[in-house]
Amino acid sequence: MKLKCKLESHHRIPPPVLSILVGRLPQVSTPLPHRSPNPLSPRQDDQDDSWNNDWDWEDDDEDEDDKSSDDTSVELPPVNEAYLASASPVGRYILLAHQTKFVMLALHEEEDEYYAVGQGSGCEVAGETITAVLCLPLFVPSIRRNQMCAMIGYSTGWLRVFSEKGTMLTAQLLEPAAILSIKMRTPTPVFKVSPQMMLNEDEEITLLFANKKVVSINGQTLWMVLRVCDGQRESGIDASRSQVSFSYQKWEFQGQENITDVISLGASPSDEPGPLSAASSTSTYVFQPGATSRYVGVGSNPMFSYYETSEVNRPLTSAVSMASYVVSRVATPVLSLAKSWWTGTAIGNQASSRSSKPSPYVPNMPMPPSQIEPATPIRATLSLSDAFRTIRYVSVCPPSSSDRHHKLAATSDALGRVILWSLDDGEMIRMWKGIRDAVCGWVEVFEDDLYSPNEENNTGQGSRSKLLRYERERAKILLFLVIFSPRRGLLKVIQMRHGHQIGVFHIGSGWNLVSCGREPLGSSMVSIERRRMAMKNGEDECGALSKCFLIGPKGEVCNINIYLNH
């Protein structure tokens, strides 16, 4: 089977969005060719006036006939400045950030473009900048749509979460060092899971700080906190002034001189064998059975290390003094109520009335701890070292449909190499040279779609049809690695796992590669059947295949699509 790859135009981002984001203010009025009917949300009182005025794109109250022909079109220069980008699972929302500003974009399909639904800053002290972002969807099927949040990391170590409109929901100082990355691990999509499987899934947000500290946030408690804060906001309560704490653990990875990126692989299965001796050159490494957390850290000296935790070094550090209160009086009732919403199980005579409410209200939730909690030291269980190589970036592949585990990871290093790793045994599989400052992503395709392509499947929106096909028979999913070098403007698409290249493109500078494809936060709290129902009902952002798209310097958005080469 011969395959080919195409870059195809998707919806676009209006050029003024990128220009204003990076600080290029138009000198004259620039009318948009396709203006969204939804204007930007009103600014908050505590936001900077000049920042909000930059986004006021409404036309003056003058007749079109009175406008000079010289003002009807202004060509904005391409945006080549680096900015941060994150997208929702199917790409309907995009979060962009640059230095002290962020903007949330939503897709308006009728207008064929994205429009700004909210913006903000969150920088509260001089010199504070945005260093990491995550577009965070919350699974709330009780209202038949997902709630979108913006999780922002700052150079001061603060983590702040905003609503899609830019209202701050909660904030917490976890470590007094810059946040380098924010990554999210959610359950396996339902089309990769058999209905007979009994799953014990969890969710996690992983933060890496510049001082090699790693914070693991419990996804279920974070979901609960954000839903409560959003309910307070809808009730007119300033949630940012009555912040509540979520559960997290803090680790200090020892043994690496420098850590530049981290991925979380979750807990190890109980039936997985333990590691063999790492001293043997013929040994194969796997994690210890029953490990509560598994991580891979990349950097230098050594460049690639495995870490794992167990029950004996797994303290709850959100606030030890209030842990029993949160667990007994907050977490259990709210999580039980949430499960009753989504599974349809009645709780007494109040189930129907509660299910109609947008968010549970939990009074007297504790404040976050005022002190910085110490990190628990964790030593590497296996390391691979090259004294001259520093790995800067790591991307883990989506879970496989055979055993629902992450099998592969791709890294890029300071020598211009991209390496494909087997996570089962810590071995290099492939290496590509001459791709400096590369970023990587993953694309999944149903094999059946290659023989009967249609617009719905190619654009990544065919979740419902894919689920129905999966219910008839187990569908095969093909996996592709996307490698992009922003410095050279070079894009490569490679089929896994044997490394057959199916596409190479020279697209120039100023482009950003954005990855999509994960479940919304809160998916682990519902049954497989309820998640299948969400896909059948067309609920947004549920059951997405992994995909990538590119954002160009003029706001172009291109999908990476795979086809049969006839």
Protein backbone atom coordinates (compact mmCIF):
# COMPACT_ATOMS: atom_id res chain seq x y z
CA MET A 1 0.00 0.00 0.00
CA LYS A 2 1.60 3.25 -1.21
CA LEU A 3 0.62 6.41 0.59
CA LYS A 4 1.09 10.11 -0.05
CA CYS A 5 0.70 13.22 2.05
CA LYS A 6 -0.87 16.56 1.15
CA LEU A 7 -1.00 19.94 2.86
CA GLU A 8 -4.52 21.23 2.38
CA SER A 9 -5.99 24.58 3.31
CA HIS A 10 -8.15 24.60 6.39
CA HIS A 11 -9.86 27.59 8.00
CA ARG A 12 -7.79 30.73 8.45
CA ILE A 13 -6.83 33.08 11.27
CA PRO A 14 -7.40 36.79 10.46
CA PRO A 15 -3.96 38.42 10.00
CA PRO A 16 -4.69 41.20 12.58
CA VAL A 17 -4.92 38.53 15.31
CA LEU A 18 -1.30 37.45 14.86
CA SER A 19 -0.08 41.00 14.27
CA ILE A 20 -1.65 42.36 17.45
CA LEU A 21 -0.53 39.29 19.42
CA VAL A 22 3.16 39.96 18.67
CA GLY A 23 2.81 43.72 19.20
CA ARG A 24 2.38 45.00 15.65
CA LEU A 25 -0.49 47.45 15.82
CA PRO A 26 -2.07 48.43 12.51
CA GLN A 27 -1.60 52.14 11.80
CA VAL A 28 -4.87 52.44 9.87
CA SER A 29 -8.25 50.76 9.98
CA THR A 30 -8.05 47.27 8.50
CA PRO A 31 -11.44 45.78 7.62
CA LEU A 32 -11.55 42.00 7.70
CA PRO A 33 -12.83 40.23 4.57
CA HIS A 34 -14.83 37.75 6.66
CA ARG A 35 -15.77 39.29 9.98
CA SER A 36 -17.22 37.01 12.61
CA PRO A 37 -20.63 38.00 13.96
CA ASN A 38 -19.30 37.32 17.47
CA PRO A 39 -17.16 40.23 18.71
CA LEU A 40 -14.54 39.85 21.37
CA SER A 41 -15.86 39.55 24.88
CA PRO A 42 -15.87 42.71 27.02
CA ARG A 43 -12.69 43.32 28.92
CA GLN A 44 -12.33 42.65 32.62
CA ASP A 45 -11.81 45.59 34.97
CA ASP A 46 -8.37 44.43 36.00
CA GLN A 47 -7.01 44.06 32.47
CA ASP A 48 -4.80 46.59 30.77
CA ASP A 49 -6.73 49.18 28.75
CA SER A 50 -4.23 49.41 25.94
CA TRP A 51 -4.19 45.64 25.49
CA ASN A 52 -7.98 45.54 25.21
CA ASN A 53 -8.11 48.50 22.84
CA ASP A 54 -5.78 46.66 20.49
CA TRP A 55 -8.50 44.06 19.93
CA ASP A 56 -11.32 46.55 19.22
CA TRP A 57 -11.88 45.83 15.54
CA GLU A 58 -15.34 47.31 15.18
CA ASP A 59 -15.76 49.73 12.28
CA ASP A 60 -16.49 53.40 12.85
CA ASP A 61 -20.12 54.53 12.53
CA GLU A 62 -19.71 55.93 9.05
CA ASP A 63 -21.21 54.99 5.73
CA GLU A 64 -19.32 52.77 3.36
CA ASP A 65 -19.63 55.44 0.64
CA ASP A 66 -17.73 57.96 2.78
CA LYS A 67 -14.70 55.70 3.19
CA SER A 68 -11.67 56.42 1.09
CA SER A 69 -10.63 53.74 -1.33
CA ASP A 70 -7.11 54.02 0.08
CA ASP A 71 -8.34 52.67 3.47
CA THR A 72 -10.27 49.66 2.23
CA SER A 73 -7.33 47.27 2.08
CA VAL A 74 -4.08 47.20 4.01
CA GLU A 75 -1.59 44.41 3.53
CA LEU A 76 -0.17 43.34 6.89
CA PRO A 77 3.38 41.98 6.87
CA PRO A 78 3.90 38.29 7.67
CA VAL A 79 4.41 37.39 11.33
CA ASN A 80 7.73 35.61 11.76
CA GLU A 81 8.08 36.11 15.53
CA ALA A 82 7.94 32.98 17.68
CA TYR A 83 4.77 32.50 19.71
CA LEU A 84 3.22 29.71 21.76
CA ALA A 85 0.27 27.72 20.41
CA SER A 86 -1.98 24.96 21.71
CA ALA A 87 -5.18 23.48 20.27
CA SER A 88 -8.24 21.59 21.47
CA PRO A 89 -8.60 17.88 20.56
CA VAL A 90 -10.17 18.46 17.13
CA GLY A 91 -8.79 21.94 16.56
CA ARG A 92 -11.99 23.94 17.03
CA TYR A 93 -10.21 26.14 19.57
CA ILE A 94 -6.68 27.53 19.38
CA LEU A 95 -4.83 29.23 22.23
CA LEU A 96 -2.05 31.62 21.20
CA ALA A 97 0.35 33.49 23.49
CA HIS A 98 3.30 35.86 23.12
CA GLN A 99 5.27 37.36 26.01
CA THR A 100 2.53 38.97 28.16
CA LYS A 101 -0.59 38.34 26.04
CA PHE A 102 -2.80 35.39 25.16
CA VAL A 103 -5.89 35.04 22.98
CA MET A 104 -8.41 32.20 22.64
CA LEU A 105 -9.72 31.59 19.12
CA ALA A 106 -12.80 29.60 18.15
CA LEU A 107 -13.72 28.22 14.74
CA HIS A 108 -16.60 29.84 12.87
CA GLU A 109 -17.24 27.31 10.11
CA GLU A 110 -19.74 29.43 8.19
CA GLU A 111 -17.24 32.30 7.98
CA ASP A 112 -14.43 29.82 7.23
CA GLU A 113 -12.12 31.36 9.83
CA TYR A 114 -11.25 31.59 13.51
CA TYR A 115 -12.36 34.52 15.62
CA ALA A 116 -11.25 35.80 19.03
CA VAL A 117 -13.57 34.83 21.87
CA GLY A 118 -11.38 35.94 24.76
CA GLN A 119 -8.02 37.38 25.67
CA GLY A 120 -5.96 38.30 28.67
CA SER A 121 -2.55 38.55 30.24
CA GLY A 122 -2.38 37.38 33.85
CA CYS A 123 1.03 38.99 34.31
CA GLU A 124 0.91 40.73 37.67
CA VAL A 125 4.50 41.79 38.35
CA ALA A 126 7.09 43.64 36.29
CA GLY A 127 9.03 41.35 34.00
CA GLU A 128 6.61 38.42 34.28
CA THR A 129 6.06 36.66 30.95
CA ILE A 130 4.09 33.69 29.60
CA THR A 131 6.33 30.65 29.11
CA ALA A 132 3.92 27.73 28.50
CA VAL A 133 0.28 27.27 27.45
CA LEU A 134 -2.29 24.48 27.23
CA CYS A 135 -5.72 24.65 25.61
CA LEU A 136 -7.69 22.68 28.19
CA PRO A 137 -11.17 21.28 27.39
CA LEU A 138 -13.42 20.06 30.22
CA PHE A 139 -15.79 17.15 29.56
CA VAL A 140 -19.21 18.43 30.67
CA PRO A 141 -21.80 16.38 28.75
CA SER A 142 -24.57 17.42 31.16
CA ILE A 143 -24.82 20.63 29.13
CA ARG A 144 -24.04 18.88 25.81
CA ARG A 145 -20.88 20.85 25.10
CA ASN A 146 -17.36 21.04 26.42
CA GLN A 147 -16.13 23.96 28.43
CA MET A 148 -12.82 25.40 27.21
CA CYS A 149 -10.12 26.78 29.51
CA ALA A 150 -6.70 28.34 29.01
CA MET A 151 -3.95 27.03 31.28
CA ILE A 152 -1.03 29.48 31.35
CA GLY A 153 2.42 29.02 32.89
CA TYR A 154 4.58 32.03 33.77
CA SER A 155 8.24 32.87 34.23
CA THR A 156 7.60 33.44 37.95
CA GLY A 157 6.32 29.89 38.48
CA TRP A 158 2.65 30.86 38.75
CA LEU A 159 0.09 28.61 37.09
CA ARG A 160 -3.15 30.40 36.21
CA VAL A 161 -6.27 28.98 34.56
CA PHE A 162 -8.70 31.20 32.66
CA SER A 163 -12.09 30.67 31.09
CA GLU A 164 -12.33 30.89 27.31
CA LYS A 165 -13.45 34.51 27.74
CA GLY A 166 -10.28 35.38 29.66
CA THR A 167 -11.67 35.41 33.22
CA MET A 168 -9.27 33.89 35.75
CA LEU A 169 -10.71 30.84 37.49
CA THR A 170 -7.86 29.79 39.76
CA ALA A 171 -4.14 30.38 40.29
CA GLN A 172 -1.43 28.76 42.33
CA LEU A 173 2.32 29.23 42.86
CA LEU A 174 3.72 25.71 42.75
CA GLU A 175 7.45 26.42 42.44
CA PRO A 176 9.44 29.69 42.24
CA ALA A 177 10.95 28.94 38.82
CA ALA A 178 9.79 29.39 35.24
CA ILE A 179 7.36 26.80 33.88
CA LEU A 180 8.99 25.31 30.76
CA SER A 181 6.21 23.01 29.55
CA ILE A 182 2.64 21.93 30.29
CA LYS A 183 1.54 18.54 29.00
CA MET A 184 -1.69 16.63 29.41
CA ARG A 185 -2.33 12.88 29.63
CA THR A 186 -5.93 11.70 29.26
CA PRO A 187 -7.65 8.31 28.80
CA THR A 188 -7.55 6.32 25.59
CA PRO A 189 -10.27 7.27 23.05
CA VAL A 190 -13.21 4.90 23.14
CA PHE A 191 -12.72 3.64 19.59
CA LYS A 192 -9.47 2.03 20.83
CA VAL A 193 -11.19 0.27 23.73
CA SER A 194 -13.32 -2.85 23.60
CA PRO A 195 -16.72 -2.55 25.37
CA GLN A 196 -15.80 -5.58 27.50
CA MET A 197 -12.65 -3.96 28.91
CA MET A 198 -12.70 -2.86 32.53
CA LEU A 199 -10.51 0.21 32.79
CA ASN A 200 -8.98 1.96 35.75
CA GLU A 201 -7.90 5.20 34.10
CA ASP A 202 -6.49 8.40 35.47
CA GLU A 203 -5.63 11.83 34.10
CA GLU A 204 -2.67 14.08 34.67
CA ILE A 205 -1.28 17.52 33.89
CA THR A 206 2.55 17.51 33.98
CA LEU A 207 4.49 20.73 34.57
CA LEU A 208 8.25 21.05 34.14
CA PHE A 209 10.04 23.89 35.93
CA ALA A 210 13.40 25.43 35.04
CA ASN A 211 15.00 24.08 38.25
CA LYS A 212 14.32 20.44 37.25
CA LYS A 213 11.25 20.12 39.50
CA VAL A 214 8.24 18.30 38.05
CA VAL A 215 4.67 18.77 39.27
CA SER A 216 2.00 16.18 38.53
CA ILE A 217 -1.54 17.55 38.92
CA ASN A 218 -4.35 15.07 39.51
CA GLY A 219 -6.73 15.57 36.59
CA GLN A 220 -9.92 14.62 38.41
CA THR A 221 -9.43 17.07 41.26
CA LEU A 222 -8.43 19.79 38.81
CA TRP A 223 -11.64 19.16 36.86
CA MET A 224 -13.62 19.49 40.08
CA VAL A 225 -11.93 22.76 41.07
CA LEU A 226 -12.42 24.33 37.64
CA ARG A 227 -16.10 23.36 37.51
CA VAL A 228 -16.68 24.82 40.98
CA CYS A 229 -14.82 28.03 40.10
CA ASP A 230 -16.76 28.37 36.86
CA GLY A 231 -20.01 27.83 38.76
CA GLN A 232 -19.02 30.63 41.14
CA ARG A 233 -18.23 32.87 38.18
CA GLU A 234 -21.64 32.19 36.63
CA SER A 235 -23.22 33.06 39.99
CA GLY A 236 -21.42 36.40 40.09
CA ILE A 237 -18.76 35.34 42.60
CA ASP A 238 -15.17 36.39 41.87
CA ALA A 239 -13.59 32.94 41.81
CA SER A 240 -10.08 34.35 41.47
CA ARG A 241 -10.40 35.92 44.95
CA SER A 242 -11.60 32.69 46.57
CA GLN A 243 -9.19 30.25 44.97
CA VAL A 244 -9.27 26.59 45.85
CA SER A 245 -6.54 23.97 45.74
CA PHE A 246 -6.17 20.94 43.51
CA SER A 247 -4.19 17.81 44.36
CA TYR A 248 -0.67 17.57 43.01
CA GLN A 249 2.62 15.83 43.63
CA LYS A 250 6.05 17.38 43.23
CA TRP A 251 9.11 15.43 42.17
CA GLU A 252 12.79 16.31 41.90
CA PHE A 253 14.39 14.17 39.21
CA GLN A 254 17.94 13.38 40.28
CA GLY A 255 20.80 12.21 38.12
CA GLN A 256 20.41 14.56 35.12
CA GLU A 257 22.46 17.74 34.93
CA ASN A 258 19.78 19.50 32.90
CA ILE A 259 16.15 18.60 32.11
CA THR A 260 14.51 20.34 29.16
CA ASP A 261 11.32 18.32 28.68
CA VAL A 262 9.28 15.59 30.38
CA ILE A 263 6.52 13.19 29.37
CA SER A 264 4.25 11.14 31.63
CA LEU A 265 3.35 7.55 30.79
CA GLY A 266 0.98 6.93 33.70
CA ALA A 267 0.92 3.98 36.06
CA SER A 268 2.36 0.65 34.96
CA PRO A 269 0.06 -2.37 34.57
CA SER A 270 0.11 -4.80 37.46
CA ASP A 271 0.94 -7.71 35.15
CA GLU A 272 3.98 -6.02 33.58
CA PRO A 273 7.34 -7.69 34.43
CA GLY A 274 9.99 -5.86 36.38
CA PRO A 275 13.20 -4.41 34.97
CA LEU A 276 16.23 -6.51 34.20
CA SER A 277 19.69 -5.37 35.17
CA ALA A 278 20.51 -2.13 33.38
CA ALA A 279 24.19 -3.03 33.56
CA SER A 280 23.78 -5.80 31.00
CA SER A 281 24.24 -4.67 27.40
CA THR A 282 21.66 -7.21 26.23
CA SER A 283 19.01 -6.36 28.81
CA THR A 284 15.60 -5.01 27.94
CA TYR A 285 14.15 -2.37 30.23
CA VAL A 286 10.57 -2.14 31.31
CA PHE A 287 9.09 -0.40 34.33
CA GLN A 288 8.64 -1.96 37.76
CA PRO A 289 5.19 -3.59 38.14
CA GLY A 290 2.74 -1.46 40.05
CA ALA A 291 4.62 1.82 39.60
CA THR A 292 2.20 4.62 40.44
CA SER A 293 3.80 7.07 38.00
CA ARG A 294 6.20 6.67 35.09
CA TYR A 295 8.11 9.50 33.43
CA VAL A 296 10.75 10.09 30.80
CA GLY A 297 13.01 13.11 31.24
CA VAL A 298 15.26 14.44 28.47
CA GLY A 299 18.12 16.91 28.59
CA SER A 300 21.84 16.41 29.08
CA ASN A 301 24.23 14.27 31.13
CA PRO A 302 22.41 11.90 30.67
CA MET A 303 20.26 12.84 27.72
CA PHE A 304 17.40 10.31 28.24
CA SER A 305 16.24 8.93 31.61
CA TYR A 306 13.41 6.83 32.98
CA TYR A 307 11.82 7.64 36.36
CA GLU A 308 9.14 5.85 38.33
CA THR A 309 7.37 6.28 41.65
CA SER A 310 5.61 3.92 44.01
CA GLU A 311 3.27 4.17 46.97
CA VAL A 312 6.13 4.70 49.41
CA ASN A 313 7.21 7.97 47.72
CA ARG A 314 3.83 9.30 46.64
CA PRO A 315 2.83 12.04 49.12
CA LEU A 316 -0.14 14.29 48.51
CA THR A 317 1.41 17.75 48.67
CA SER A 318 -1.49 20.01 47.73
CA ALA A 319 -1.83 20.73 51.48
CA VAL A 320 -1.27 17.88 53.88
CA SER A 321 -3.26 19.57 56.63
CA MET A 322 -6.40 19.75 54.51
CA ALA A 323 -6.09 16.53 52.54
CA SER A 324 -8.58 14.60 54.66
CA TYR A 325 -11.09 17.46 54.41
CA VAL A 326 -10.88 17.63 50.62
CA VAL A 327 -11.09 13.89 50.13
CA SER A 328 -13.90 13.20 52.58
CA ARG A 329 -16.08 16.29 52.21
CA VAL A 330 -15.44 17.55 48.71
CA ALA A 331 -13.97 15.04 46.29
CA THR A 332 -16.15 12.01 46.98
CA PRO A 333 -19.57 13.74 46.86
CA VAL A 334 -18.76 15.81 43.81
CA LEU A 335 -17.20 12.97 41.85
CA SER A 336 -20.13 10.73 42.72
CA LEU A 337 -22.54 13.42 41.59
CA ALA A 338 -20.60 13.90 38.37
CA LYS A 339 -20.69 10.19 37.60
CA SER A 340 -24.43 10.15 38.22
CA TRP A 341 -24.89 12.97 35.71
CA TRP A 342 -22.99 11.21 32.96
CA THR A 343 -24.14 7.65 33.49
CA GLY A 344 -27.79 8.60 34.01
CA THR A 345 -27.94 6.89 37.42
CA ALA A 346 -30.43 8.52 39.76
CA ILE A 347 -29.36 9.68 43.20
CA GLY A 348 -32.47 9.80 45.31
CA ASN A 349 -35.25 12.09 44.10
CA GLN A 350 -32.92 15.01 43.26
CA ALA A 351 -31.04 13.46 40.35
CA SER A 352 -33.15 15.06 37.63
CA SER A 353 -33.00 18.53 39.15
CA ARG A 354 -29.26 18.36 39.80
CA SER A 355 -28.47 17.15 36.29
CA SER A 356 -29.81 20.37 34.81
CA LYS A 357 -27.42 22.58 36.78
CA PRO A 358 -24.28 23.71 34.92
CA SER A 359 -21.93 23.08 37.84
CA PRO A 360 -22.05 21.63 41.35
CA TYR A 361 -21.63 24.17 44.13
CA VAL A 362 -19.32 23.10 46.95
CA PRO A 363 -19.03 25.69 49.75
CA ASN A 364 -16.06 26.42 51.98
CA MET A 365 -13.41 24.86 49.75
CA PRO A 366 -9.93 25.46 51.22
CA MET A 367 -7.41 27.96 49.91
CA PRO A 368 -4.19 26.77 48.25
CA PRO A 369 -1.22 26.36 50.57
CA SER A 370 0.67 29.59 51.15
CA GLN A 371 4.07 27.89 51.45
CA ILE A 372 6.02 26.20 48.67
CA GLU A 373 5.90 22.46 49.25
CA PRO A 374 9.22 20.55 49.02
CA ALA A 375 9.79 18.09 46.20
CA THR A 376 10.30 14.37 46.70
CA PRO A 377 13.63 13.24 45.18
CA ILE A 378 13.35 10.47 42.57
CA ARG A 379 16.38 8.73 41.09
CA ALA A 380 16.50 7.50 37.50
CA THR A 381 16.01 3.78 36.98
CA LEU A 382 17.67 3.75 33.56
CA SER A 383 19.63 6.40 31.64
CA LEU A 384 21.16 6.72 28.19
CA SER A 385 24.00 9.21 27.87
CA ASP A 386 25.92 10.95 25.10
CA ALA A 387 28.27 13.61 26.47
CA PHE A 388 28.01 15.74 23.31
CA ARG A 389 24.24 15.54 22.85
CA THR A 390 21.50 17.58 24.53
CA ILE A 391 17.90 16.60 23.84
CA ARG A 392 15.63 19.64 23.83
CA TYR A 393 12.18 18.25 23.07
CA VAL A 394 10.25 14.99 23.39
CA SER A 395 6.84 14.01 21.98
CA VAL A 396 5.08 10.77 22.93
CA CYS A 397 2.90 8.96 20.42
CA PRO A 398 -0.84 8.39 21.05
CA PRO A 399 -1.72 5.13 22.85
CA SER A 400 -1.96 2.11 20.60
CA SER A 401 -5.25 0.32 20.05
CA SER A 402 -3.74 -3.08 20.91
CA ASP A 403 -2.81 -2.47 24.54
CA ARG A 404 -3.63 1.25 25.06
CA HIS A 405 -0.03 2.09 25.99
CA HIS A 406 2.41 4.63 24.58
CA LYS A 407 4.97 2.70 22.57
CA LEU A 408 7.06 5.36 20.81
CA ALA A 409 8.57 8.77 21.47
CA ALA A 410 10.37 11.22 19.20
CA THR A 411 13.09 13.60 20.40
CA SER A 412 15.06 16.44 18.81
CA ASP A 413 18.52 17.47 19.99
CA ALA A 414 21.04 20.29 19.68
CA LEU A 415 22.95 18.42 16.94
CA GLY A 416 20.06 18.59 14.48
CA ARG A 417 19.00 14.95 14.98
CA VAL A 418 15.50 13.57 15.44
CA ILE A 419 15.51 10.18 17.19
CA LEU A 420 12.65 7.68 17.39
CA TRP A 421 12.65 5.71 20.65
CA SER A 422 11.00 2.51 21.78
CA LEU A 423 9.59 3.24 25.23
CA ASP A 424 9.32 -0.47 26.05
CA ASP A 425 13.07 -1.01 26.16
CA GLY A 426 14.66 2.44 25.91
CA GLU A 427 16.31 1.78 22.56
CA MET A 428 16.78 3.99 19.51
CA ILE A 429 14.84 2.78 16.48
CA ARG A 430 15.56 5.42 13.84
CA MET A 431 17.50 8.65 13.44
CA TRP A 432 17.03 11.55 10.99
CA LYS A 433 19.82 14.09 10.51
CA GLY A 434 19.97 17.73 9.50
CA ILE A 435 16.69 18.87 11.14
CA ARG A 436 17.66 21.60 13.61
CA ASP A 437 15.28 22.87 16.30
CA ALA A 438 12.72 20.29 15.20
CA VAL A 439 9.30 19.86 16.76
CA CYS A 440 7.31 16.67 16.29
CA GLY A 441 3.69 15.60 16.16
CA TRP A 442 1.60 12.55 15.31
CA VAL A 443 -1.13 11.80 12.78
CA GLU A 444 -3.51 8.84 12.98
CA VAL A 445 -5.65 7.58 10.10
CA PHE A 446 -8.24 4.82 9.92
CA GLU A 447 -7.06 2.45 7.21
CA ASP A 448 -10.62 2.12 5.90
CA ASP A 449 -10.74 5.87 5.23
CA LEU A 450 -7.87 5.55 2.75
CA TYR A 451 -10.00 3.34 0.53
CA SER A 452 -13.23 5.33 0.91
CA PRO A 453 -12.15 8.90 1.67
CA ASN A 454 -14.65 11.65 2.31
CA GLU A 455 -14.44 15.24 3.46
CA GLU A 456 -15.66 14.45 6.96
CA ASN A 457 -12.90 11.97 7.69
CA ASN A 458 -10.12 13.95 6.00
CA THR A 459 -10.86 17.05 8.05
CA GLY A 460 -10.77 15.05 11.26
CA GLN A 461 -14.41 15.76 12.16
CA GLY A 462 -15.82 12.29 11.51
CA SER A 463 -15.85 11.01 15.08
CA ARG A 464 -19.40 9.71 14.92
CA SER A 465 -18.97 7.76 11.68
CA LYS A 466 -15.65 6.37 12.92
CA LEU A 467 -17.28 5.14 16.11
CA LEU A 468 -20.11 3.43 14.21
CA ARG A 469 -17.60 1.70 11.94
CA TYR A 470 -15.55 0.62 14.95
CA GLU A 471 -18.62 -0.98 16.51
CA ARG A 472 -19.00 -3.23 13.46
CA GLU A 473 -15.41 -4.46 13.51
CA ARG A 474 -12.11 -3.49 15.02
CA ALA A 475 -10.64 -0.85 12.75
CA LYS A 476 -6.92 -0.63 12.02
CA ILE A 477 -5.28 2.71 12.74
CA LEU A 478 -2.13 3.80 10.90
CA LEU A 479 0.37 6.04 12.70
CA PHE A 480 2.60 8.73 11.17
CA LEU A 481 5.34 10.92 12.66
CA VAL A 482 5.44 14.58 11.61
CA ILE A 483 8.82 16.35 11.86
CA PHE A 484 9.02 20.10 11.32
CA SER A 485 12.07 22.35 11.37
CA PRO A 486 10.97 25.99 11.82
CA ARG A 487 14.49 27.23 11.04
CA ARG A 488 14.59 25.57 7.59
CA GLY A 489 10.86 25.52 6.94
CA LEU A 490 11.15 21.78 6.27
CA LEU A 491 8.29 19.34 6.97
CA LYS A 492 8.57 15.55 6.82
CA VAL A 493 5.83 12.95 7.27
CA ILE A 494 7.01 9.40 8.05
CA GLN A 495 4.98 6.22 8.47
CA MET A 496 5.55 4.28 11.69
CA ARG A 497 7.27 2.40 12.77
CA HIS A 498 9.66 1.40 10.01
CA GLY A 499 10.36 4.95 8.88
CA HIS A 500 8.99 5.07 5.33
CA GLN A 501 8.80 8.74 4.27
CA ILE A 502 5.56 9.60 2.48
CA GLY A 503 5.91 13.36 2.19
CA VAL A 504 8.45 16.19 2.38
CA PHE A 505 7.62 19.90 2.00
CA HIS A 506 9.64 23.13 1.99
CA ILE A 507 7.13 25.66 3.29
CA GLY A 508 9.42 28.48 4.42
CA SER A 509 9.82 30.32 7.71
CA GLY A 510 7.20 31.70 10.07
CA TRP A 511 5.09 28.53 10.37
CA ASN A 512 4.05 26.78 13.61
CA LEU A 513 3.26 23.07 13.98
CA VAL A 514 0.32 22.45 16.35
CA SER A 515 -0.71 18.98 17.55
CA CYS A 516 -4.27 17.86 18.36
CA GLY A 517 -5.94 14.70 19.51
CA ARG A 518 -6.64 13.81 23.13
CA GLU A 519 -9.70 13.38 25.30
CA PRO A 520 -11.16 16.30 27.31
CA LEU A 521 -10.25 16.53 30.99
CA GLY A 522 -12.77 14.56 33.06
CA SER A 523 -13.15 11.68 30.60
CA SER A 524 -11.78 9.15 33.08
CA MET A 525 -14.70 9.85 35.44
CA VAL A 526 -17.32 8.36 33.14
CA SER A 527 -17.95 4.90 31.79
CA ILE A 528 -16.93 3.72 28.33
CA GLU A 529 -20.57 3.53 27.33
CA ARG A 530 -21.20 7.14 28.35
CA ARG A 531 -18.22 8.29 26.32
CA ARG A 532 -19.49 6.31 23.35
CA MET A 533 -22.84 8.01 23.75
CA ALA A 534 -21.11 11.40 23.74
CA MET A 535 -19.52 10.58 20.38
CA LYS A 536 -22.80 9.33 18.93
CA ASN A 537 -24.53 12.53 20.01
CA GLY A 538 -21.87 14.61 18.31
CA GLU A 539 -20.62 16.23 21.51
CA ASP A 540 -17.59 18.37 20.75
CA GLU A 541 -13.98 17.30 21.21
CA CYS A 542 -14.74 13.68 22.14
CA GLY A 543 -13.04 10.69 20.51
CA ALA A 544 -10.53 12.50 18.31
CA LEU A 545 -7.74 10.90 16.33
CA SER A 546 -4.33 12.52 16.67
CA LYS A 547 -3.60 15.06 13.97
CA CYS A 548 -1.42 18.09 13.24
CA PHE A 549 -1.94 21.36 11.45
CA LEU A 550 0.28 24.28 10.51
CA ILE A 551 -0.29 27.98 11.18
CA GLY A 552 1.35 30.26 8.62
CA PRO A 553 2.80 33.77 8.96
CA LYS A 554 -0.29 35.30 7.34
CA GLY A 555 -2.80 33.28 9.36
CA GLU A 556 -3.04 30.35 6.96
CA VAL A 557 -4.05 27.05 8.58
CA CYS A 558 -3.14 23.85 6.71
CA ASN A 559 -4.11 20.28 7.58
CA ILE A 560 -1.74 17.33 7.09
CA ASN A 561 -3.83 14.70 5.30
CA ILE A 562 -2.88 11.16 4.20
CA TYR A 563 -4.14 9.49 0.99
CA LEU A 564 -3.55 6.40 -1.12
CA ASN A 565 -1.08 7.01 -3.93
CA HIS A 566 -3.05 5.65 -6.90
